[in-house]
């Protein structure tokens, strides 16, 4: 189970529940360097911070791997997928498929990019944690829902065009 490191804590609890339900060997966290609090934190990336959060929530450390990505200003999700691919190529793990655990409407874009980077050798599924900021089935009645749908639609289209050239 690959978990994007920027997810809110309540979504991480959902990822742990998914791990318990599914037939997973490990949770792999991904994420870029922290941009705020870096100097005060023992964790230097969202991948490391999220792994520590999982441990604080009671997850077994031996079933957890943090895979930090390099610092980039654009194509952050793509950078995380590429870092995961590099880790998979150099690790002793024999992984044939993953489920990507992401957040809300962002999941479709992450799924597309992770599939592009890891496929066809590794099958990529996706699981979306629901936002608590709005009702997903009535997203249009909330300003947060409208902003999420609109911004992710634009970002998805951008990723389709730009990531194909990267």
C-alpha atoms as a PDB file:
ATOM      1  CA  UNK A   1       0.000   0.000   0.000  1.00  0.00           C
ATOM      2  CA  UNK A   2       1.619   3.262  -1.137  1.00  0.00           C
ATOM      3  CA  UNK A   3       0.430   6.301   0.821  1.00  0.00           C
ATOM      4  CA  UNK A   4       1.036   9.867  -0.308  1.00  0.00           C
ATOM      5  CA  UNK A   5       2.644  11.628   2.632  1.00  0.00           C
ATOM      6  CA  UNK A   6       0.751  14.907   2.537  1.00  0.00           C
ATOM      7  CA  UNK A   7      -2.582  13.358   3.550  1.00  0.00           C
ATOM      8  CA  UNK A   8      -4.315  14.560   6.739  1.00  0.00           C
ATOM      9  CA  UNK A   9      -3.977  12.355   9.811  1.00  0.00           C
ATOM     10  CA  UNK A  10      -7.555  11.109   9.636  1.00  0.00           C
ATOM     11  CA  UNK A  11      -6.842   9.758   6.151  1.00  0.00           C
ATOM     12  CA  UNK A  12      -3.794   7.939   7.507  1.00  0.00           C
ATOM     13  CA  UNK A  13      -6.058   6.111   9.935  1.00  0.00           C
ATOM     14  CA  UNK A  14      -8.107   5.057   6.917  1.00  0.00           C
ATOM     15  CA  UNK A  15      -4.933   3.800   5.231  1.00  0.00           C
ATOM     16  CA  UNK A  16      -4.175   1.663   8.282  1.00  0.00           C
ATOM     17  CA  UNK A  17      -7.675   0.206   8.115  1.00  0.00           C
ATOM     18  CA  UNK A  18      -7.149  -0.552   4.419  1.00  0.00           C
ATOM     19  CA  UNK A  19      -3.838  -2.245   5.240  1.00  0.00           C
ATOM     20  CA  UNK A  20      -5.580  -4.448   7.799  1.00  0.00           C
ATOM     21  CA  UNK A  21      -8.373  -5.335   5.328  1.00  0.00           C
ATOM     22  CA  UNK A  22      -6.135  -6.001   2.355  1.00  0.00           C
ATOM     23  CA  UNK A  23      -3.379  -8.445   1.598  1.00  0.00           C
ATOM     24  CA  UNK A  24      -0.501  -5.978   1.908  1.00  0.00           C
ATOM     25  CA  UNK A  25       3.093  -6.609   2.897  1.00  0.00           C
ATOM     26  CA  UNK A  26       4.119  -3.029   3.652  1.00  0.00           C
ATOM     27  CA  UNK A  27       3.028   0.566   3.730  1.00  0.00           C
ATOM     28  CA  UNK A  28       5.323   2.750   1.653  1.00  0.00           C
ATOM     29  CA  UNK A  29       5.047   6.487   2.268  1.00  0.00           C
ATOM     30  CA  UNK A  30       6.049   9.015  -0.376  1.00  0.00           C
ATOM     31  CA  UNK A  31       6.544  12.743  -0.255  1.00  0.00           C
ATOM     32  CA  UNK A  32       8.686  15.755  -0.893  1.00  0.00           C
ATOM     33  CA  UNK A  33      10.887  17.620   1.592  1.00  0.00           C
ATOM     34  CA  UNK A  34       9.098  19.677   4.224  1.00  0.00           C
ATOM     35  CA  UNK A  35       9.145  23.358   3.414  1.00  0.00           C
ATOM     36  CA  UNK A  36       8.068  24.641   6.794  1.00  0.00           C
ATOM     37  CA  UNK A  37       9.455  23.504  10.116  1.00  0.00           C
ATOM     38  CA  UNK A  38      12.307  21.659   8.404  1.00  0.00           C
ATOM     39  CA  UNK A  39      14.942  23.058  10.756  1.00  0.00           C
ATOM     40  CA  UNK A  40      12.965  22.198  13.882  1.00  0.00           C
ATOM     41  CA  UNK A  41      11.773  18.778  12.795  1.00  0.00           C
ATOM     42  CA  UNK A  42      13.663  15.522  12.969  1.00  0.00           C
ATOM     43  CA  UNK A  43      11.706  14.573   9.831  1.00  0.00           C
ATOM     44  CA  UNK A  44      12.915  16.155   6.627  1.00  0.00           C
ATOM     45  CA  UNK A  45      10.183  14.999   4.227  1.00  0.00           C
ATOM     46  CA  UNK A  46       6.484  14.248   4.154  1.00  0.00           C
ATOM     47  CA  UNK A  47       7.410  10.604   3.568  1.00  0.00           C
ATOM     48  CA  UNK A  48       9.361  10.485   6.856  1.00  0.00           C
ATOM     49  CA  UNK A  49       6.811  12.530   8.803  1.00  0.00           C
ATOM     50  CA  UNK A  50       3.989  10.284   7.642  1.00  0.00           C
ATOM     51  CA  UNK A  51       5.943   7.128   8.505  1.00  0.00           C
ATOM     52  CA  UNK A  52       6.478   8.539  12.011  1.00  0.00           C
ATOM     53  CA  UNK A  53       2.758   9.338  12.239  1.00  0.00           C
ATOM     54  CA  UNK A  54       1.915   5.742  11.329  1.00  0.00           C
ATOM     55  CA  UNK A  55       4.226   4.517  14.093  1.00  0.00           C
ATOM     56  CA  UNK A  56       2.637   6.941  16.578  1.00  0.00           C
ATOM     57  CA  UNK A  57      -0.756   5.516  15.573  1.00  0.00           C
ATOM     58  CA  UNK A  58       0.495   2.026  16.449  1.00  0.00           C
ATOM     59  CA  UNK A  59       1.609   0.701  13.059  1.00  0.00           C
ATOM     60  CA  UNK A  60       4.448  -1.850  13.080  1.00  0.00           C
ATOM     61  CA  UNK A  61       7.712  -0.124  12.032  1.00  0.00           C
ATOM     62  CA  UNK A  62       9.055  -3.253  10.293  1.00  0.00           C
ATOM     63  CA  UNK A  63       6.150  -3.077   7.812  1.00  0.00           C
ATOM     64  CA  UNK A  64       6.840   0.555   6.935  1.00  0.00           C
ATOM     65  CA  UNK A  65       9.134   2.214   4.389  1.00  0.00           C
ATOM     66  CA  UNK A  66       9.563   5.955   3.780  1.00  0.00           C
ATOM     67  CA  UNK A  67      10.578   6.931   0.235  1.00  0.00           C
ATOM     68  CA  UNK A  68      11.323  10.667   0.090  1.00  0.00           C
ATOM     69  CA  UNK A  69      11.282  12.461  -3.250  1.00  0.00           C
ATOM     70  CA  UNK A  70      13.548  15.330  -4.302  1.00  0.00           C
ATOM     71  CA  UNK A  71      12.431  18.931  -3.853  1.00  0.00           C
ATOM     72  CA  UNK A  72      10.651  20.184  -6.958  1.00  0.00           C
ATOM     73  CA  UNK A  73       8.330  23.123  -7.597  1.00  0.00           C
ATOM     74  CA  UNK A  74       6.251  21.499 -10.339  1.00  0.00           C
ATOM     75  CA  UNK A  75       5.161  17.915 -10.984  1.00  0.00           C
ATOM     76  CA  UNK A  76       5.413  17.004  -7.299  1.00  0.00           C
ATOM     77  CA  UNK A  77       3.298  13.864  -7.618  1.00  0.00           C
ATOM     78  CA  UNK A  78       5.332  12.776 -10.625  1.00  0.00           C
ATOM     79  CA  UNK A  79       8.537  13.274  -8.601  1.00  0.00           C
ATOM     80  CA  UNK A  80       7.134  11.048  -5.842  1.00  0.00           C
ATOM     81  CA  UNK A  81       6.236   8.345  -8.363  1.00  0.00           C
ATOM     82  CA  UNK A  82       9.721   8.512  -9.877  1.00  0.00           C
ATOM     83  CA  UNK A  83      11.349   8.280  -6.430  1.00  0.00           C
ATOM     84  CA  UNK A  84       9.237   5.209  -5.703  1.00  0.00           C
ATOM     85  CA  UNK A  85      10.301   3.631  -8.997  1.00  0.00           C
ATOM     86  CA  UNK A  86      13.974   4.241  -8.143  1.00  0.00           C
ATOM     87  CA  UNK A  87      13.491   2.732  -4.691  1.00  0.00           C
ATOM     88  CA  UNK A  88      11.752  -0.321  -6.180  1.00  0.00           C
ATOM     89  CA  UNK A  89      14.609  -0.831  -8.638  1.00  0.00           C
ATOM     90  CA  UNK A  90      17.230  -0.791  -5.871  1.00  0.00           C
ATOM     91  CA  UNK A  91      15.347  -2.578  -3.076  1.00  0.00           C
ATOM     92  CA  UNK A  92      15.147  -6.288  -2.398  1.00  0.00           C
ATOM     93  CA  UNK A  93      11.360  -6.138  -2.556  1.00  0.00           C
ATOM     94  CA  UNK A  94       9.619  -8.067  -5.308  1.00  0.00           C
ATOM     95  CA  UNK A  95       6.534  -5.945  -5.852  1.00  0.00           C
ATOM     96  CA  UNK A  96       4.243  -6.738  -8.780  1.00  0.00           C
ATOM     97  CA  UNK A  97       1.314  -4.493  -7.836  1.00  0.00           C
ATOM     98  CA  UNK A  98       0.460  -1.629  -5.521  1.00  0.00           C
ATOM     99  CA  UNK A  99      -2.589   0.225  -4.363  1.00  0.00           C
ATOM    100  CA  UNK A 100      -2.042   3.956  -4.131  1.00  0.00           C
ATOM    101  CA  UNK A 101      -3.836   5.539  -1.177  1.00  0.00           C
ATOM    102  CA  UNK A 102      -4.424   9.204  -1.869  1.00  0.00           C
ATOM    103  CA  UNK A 103      -6.894  11.923  -1.030  1.00  0.00           C
ATOM    104  CA  UNK A 104     -10.230  12.877  -2.492  1.00  0.00           C
ATOM    105  CA  UNK A 105     -10.330  14.011  -6.125  1.00  0.00           C
ATOM    106  CA  UNK A 106      -6.528  14.253  -6.262  1.00  0.00           C
ATOM    107  CA  UNK A 107      -6.435  10.444  -6.373  1.00  0.00           C
ATOM    108  CA  UNK A 108      -7.282  10.212 -10.077  1.00  0.00           C
ATOM    109  CA  UNK A 109      -4.307  12.389 -11.043  1.00  0.00           C
ATOM    110  CA  UNK A 110      -1.949  10.524  -8.722  1.00  0.00           C
ATOM    111  CA  UNK A 111      -3.165   7.192 -10.080  1.00  0.00           C
ATOM    112  CA  UNK A 112      -2.555   8.328 -13.660  1.00  0.00           C
ATOM    113  CA  UNK A 113       0.986   9.483 -12.879  1.00  0.00           C
ATOM    114  CA  UNK A 114       1.970   6.467 -10.775  1.00  0.00           C
ATOM    115  CA  UNK A 115       0.652   4.145 -13.518  1.00  0.00           C
ATOM    116  CA  UNK A 116       2.622   6.077 -16.111  1.00  0.00           C
ATOM    117  CA  UNK A 117       5.856   5.809 -14.125  1.00  0.00           C
ATOM    118  CA  UNK A 118       5.517   2.253 -12.744  1.00  0.00           C
ATOM    119  CA  UNK A 119       3.609   0.482 -15.495  1.00  0.00           C
ATOM    120  CA  UNK A 120       3.374  -1.857 -17.187  1.00  0.00           C
ATOM    121  CA  UNK A 121       5.716  -3.874 -14.936  1.00  0.00           C
ATOM    122  CA  UNK A 122       3.810  -2.930 -11.782  1.00  0.00           C
ATOM    123  CA  UNK A 123       0.019  -2.833 -11.698  1.00  0.00           C
ATOM    124  CA  UNK A 124      -1.311   0.254  -9.949  1.00  0.00           C
ATOM    125  CA  UNK A 125      -4.701   0.503  -8.263  1.00  0.00           C
ATOM    126  CA  UNK A 126      -6.028   3.508  -6.373  1.00  0.00           C
ATOM    127  CA  UNK A 127      -8.025   4.159  -3.232  1.00  0.00           C
ATOM    128  CA  UNK A 128      -9.331   7.628  -2.359  1.00  0.00           C
ATOM    129  CA  UNK A 129      -9.791   8.839   1.199  1.00  0.00           C
ATOM    130  CA  UNK A 130     -12.808  11.114   1.454  1.00  0.00           C
ATOM    131  CA  UNK A 131     -12.428  14.699   2.542  1.00  0.00           C
ATOM    132  CA  UNK A 132     -14.182  15.749   5.724  1.00  0.00           C
ATOM    133  CA  UNK A 133     -14.432  19.313   4.378  1.00  0.00           C
ATOM    134  CA  UNK A 134     -17.460  18.619   2.177  1.00  0.00           C
ATOM    135  CA  UNK A 135     -19.920  15.898   1.210  1.00  0.00           C
ATOM    136  CA  UNK A 136     -18.444  14.198  -1.894  1.00  0.00           C
ATOM    137  CA  UNK A 137     -21.852  13.305  -3.350  1.00  0.00           C
ATOM    138  CA  UNK A 138     -22.938  16.956  -3.055  1.00  0.00           C
ATOM    139  CA  UNK A 139     -19.653  18.728  -3.658  1.00  0.00           C
ATOM    140  CA  UNK A 140     -21.355  21.643  -5.466  1.00  0.00           C
ATOM    141  CA  UNK A 141     -23.129  22.904  -2.307  1.00  0.00           C
ATOM    142  CA  UNK A 142     -19.812  23.677  -0.610  1.00  0.00           C
ATOM    143  CA  UNK A 143     -17.235  26.260  -1.640  1.00  0.00           C
ATOM    144  CA  UNK A 144     -14.488  23.806  -0.601  1.00  0.00           C
ATOM    145  CA  UNK A 145     -16.052  21.119  -2.784  1.00  0.00           C
ATOM    146  CA  UNK A 146     -16.275  23.427  -5.780  1.00  0.00           C
ATOM    147  CA  UNK A 147     -12.669  24.587  -5.313  1.00  0.00           C
ATOM    148  CA  UNK A 148     -11.432  20.994  -4.990  1.00  0.00           C
ATOM    149  CA  UNK A 149     -13.239  19.749  -8.084  1.00  0.00           C
ATOM    150  CA  UNK A 150     -12.284  22.752 -10.210  1.00  0.00           C
ATOM    151  CA  UNK A 151      -8.618  22.859  -9.210  1.00  0.00           C
ATOM    152  CA  UNK A 152      -8.153  19.099  -9.565  1.00  0.00           C
ATOM    153  CA  UNK A 153      -9.871  19.062 -12.956  1.00  0.00           C
ATOM    154  CA  UNK A 154      -7.455  21.715 -14.189  1.00  0.00           C
ATOM    155  CA  UNK A 155      -4.484  19.947 -12.582  1.00  0.00           C
ATOM    156  CA  UNK A 156      -5.537  16.606 -14.091  1.00  0.00           C
ATOM    157  CA  UNK A 157      -5.713  18.101 -17.582  1.00  0.00           C
ATOM    158  CA  UNK A 158      -2.347  19.810 -17.036  1.00  0.00           C
ATOM    159  CA  UNK A 159      -0.796  16.516 -15.883  1.00  0.00           C
ATOM    160  CA  UNK A 160      -2.142  14.702 -18.939  1.00  0.00           C
ATOM    161  CA  UNK A 161      -0.473  17.205 -21.252  1.00  0.00           C
ATOM    162  CA  UNK A 162       2.749  18.015 -19.383  1.00  0.00           C
ATOM    163  CA  UNK A 163       3.614  14.651 -17.814  1.00  0.00           C
ATOM    164  CA  UNK A 164       3.517  12.953 -21.196  1.00  0.00           C
ATOM    165  CA  UNK A 165       6.452  15.163 -22.220  1.00  0.00           C
ATOM    166  CA  UNK A 166       8.503  14.685 -19.023  1.00  0.00           C
END
